[in-house]
Protein backbone atom coordinates (compact mmCIF):
# COMPACT_ATOMS: atom_id res chain seq x y z
CA MET A 1 -15.94 -1.77 -30.41
CA ASP A 2 -16.02 -5.35 -31.47
CA LEU A 3 -15.88 -8.35 -29.18
CA GLY A 4 -12.14 -8.90 -29.71
CA THR A 5 -11.29 -5.38 -28.60
CA ILE A 6 -13.45 -5.71 -25.51
CA ALA A 7 -11.75 -9.01 -24.67
CA ASN A 8 -8.30 -7.43 -25.06
CA VAL A 9 -9.23 -4.51 -22.83
CA ALA A 10 -10.63 -6.90 -20.21
CA GLU A 11 -7.42 -8.94 -20.32
CA ILE A 12 -5.29 -5.83 -19.83
CA LEU A 13 -7.47 -4.70 -16.92
CA GLY A 14 -7.24 -8.15 -15.35
CA ALA A 15 -3.47 -8.25 -15.64
CA THR A 16 -3.20 -4.72 -14.25
CA SER A 17 -5.33 -5.62 -11.25
CA ILE A 18 -3.18 -8.69 -10.55
CA VAL A 19 0.04 -6.67 -10.73
CA GLY A 20 -1.51 -4.01 -8.48
CA GLY A 21 -2.60 -6.66 -6.00
CA VAL A 22 0.87 -8.16 -5.85
CA ALA A 23 2.43 -4.72 -5.36
CA PHE A 24 -0.06 -3.97 -2.57
CA ALA A 25 0.70 -7.30 -0.90
CA ILE A 26 4.44 -6.60 -0.99
CA VAL A 27 3.93 -3.19 0.63
CA GLN A 28 1.68 -4.70 3.30
CA VAL A 29 4.18 -7.47 4.13
CA ARG A 30 7.00 -4.94 4.46
CA HIS A 31 4.86 -2.78 6.72
CA TYR A 32 3.88 -5.78 8.86
CA ARG A 33 7.52 -6.84 9.22
CA ALA A 34 8.52 -3.32 10.28
CA MET A 35 5.72 -3.26 12.87
CA GLN A 36 6.79 -6.65 14.21
CA ARG A 37 10.42 -5.54 14.40
CA ASP A 38 9.42 -2.39 16.32
CA ALA A 39 7.20 -4.40 18.68
CA ILE A 40 10.00 -6.85 19.42
CA ALA A 41 12.47 -4.02 20.04
CA THR A 42 10.01 -2.30 22.39
CA ASN A 43 9.39 -5.54 24.23
CA LEU A 44 13.12 -6.17 24.62
CA MET A 45 13.66 -2.65 25.97
CA ARG A 46 10.89 -3.10 28.56
CA HIS A 47 12.30 -6.35 29.86
CA ALA A 48 15.98 -5.48 29.71
């Protein structure tokens, strides 16, 4: 492996990790919103 190949592989790995991180963040935000929505609904039912 020459230096150019190693650099290309590192660039691909970096891009993949960024895409994976964004996907993970999207899943976490959706999960958080669902939890918040459930907590609000529960709170409304308790005080209704």
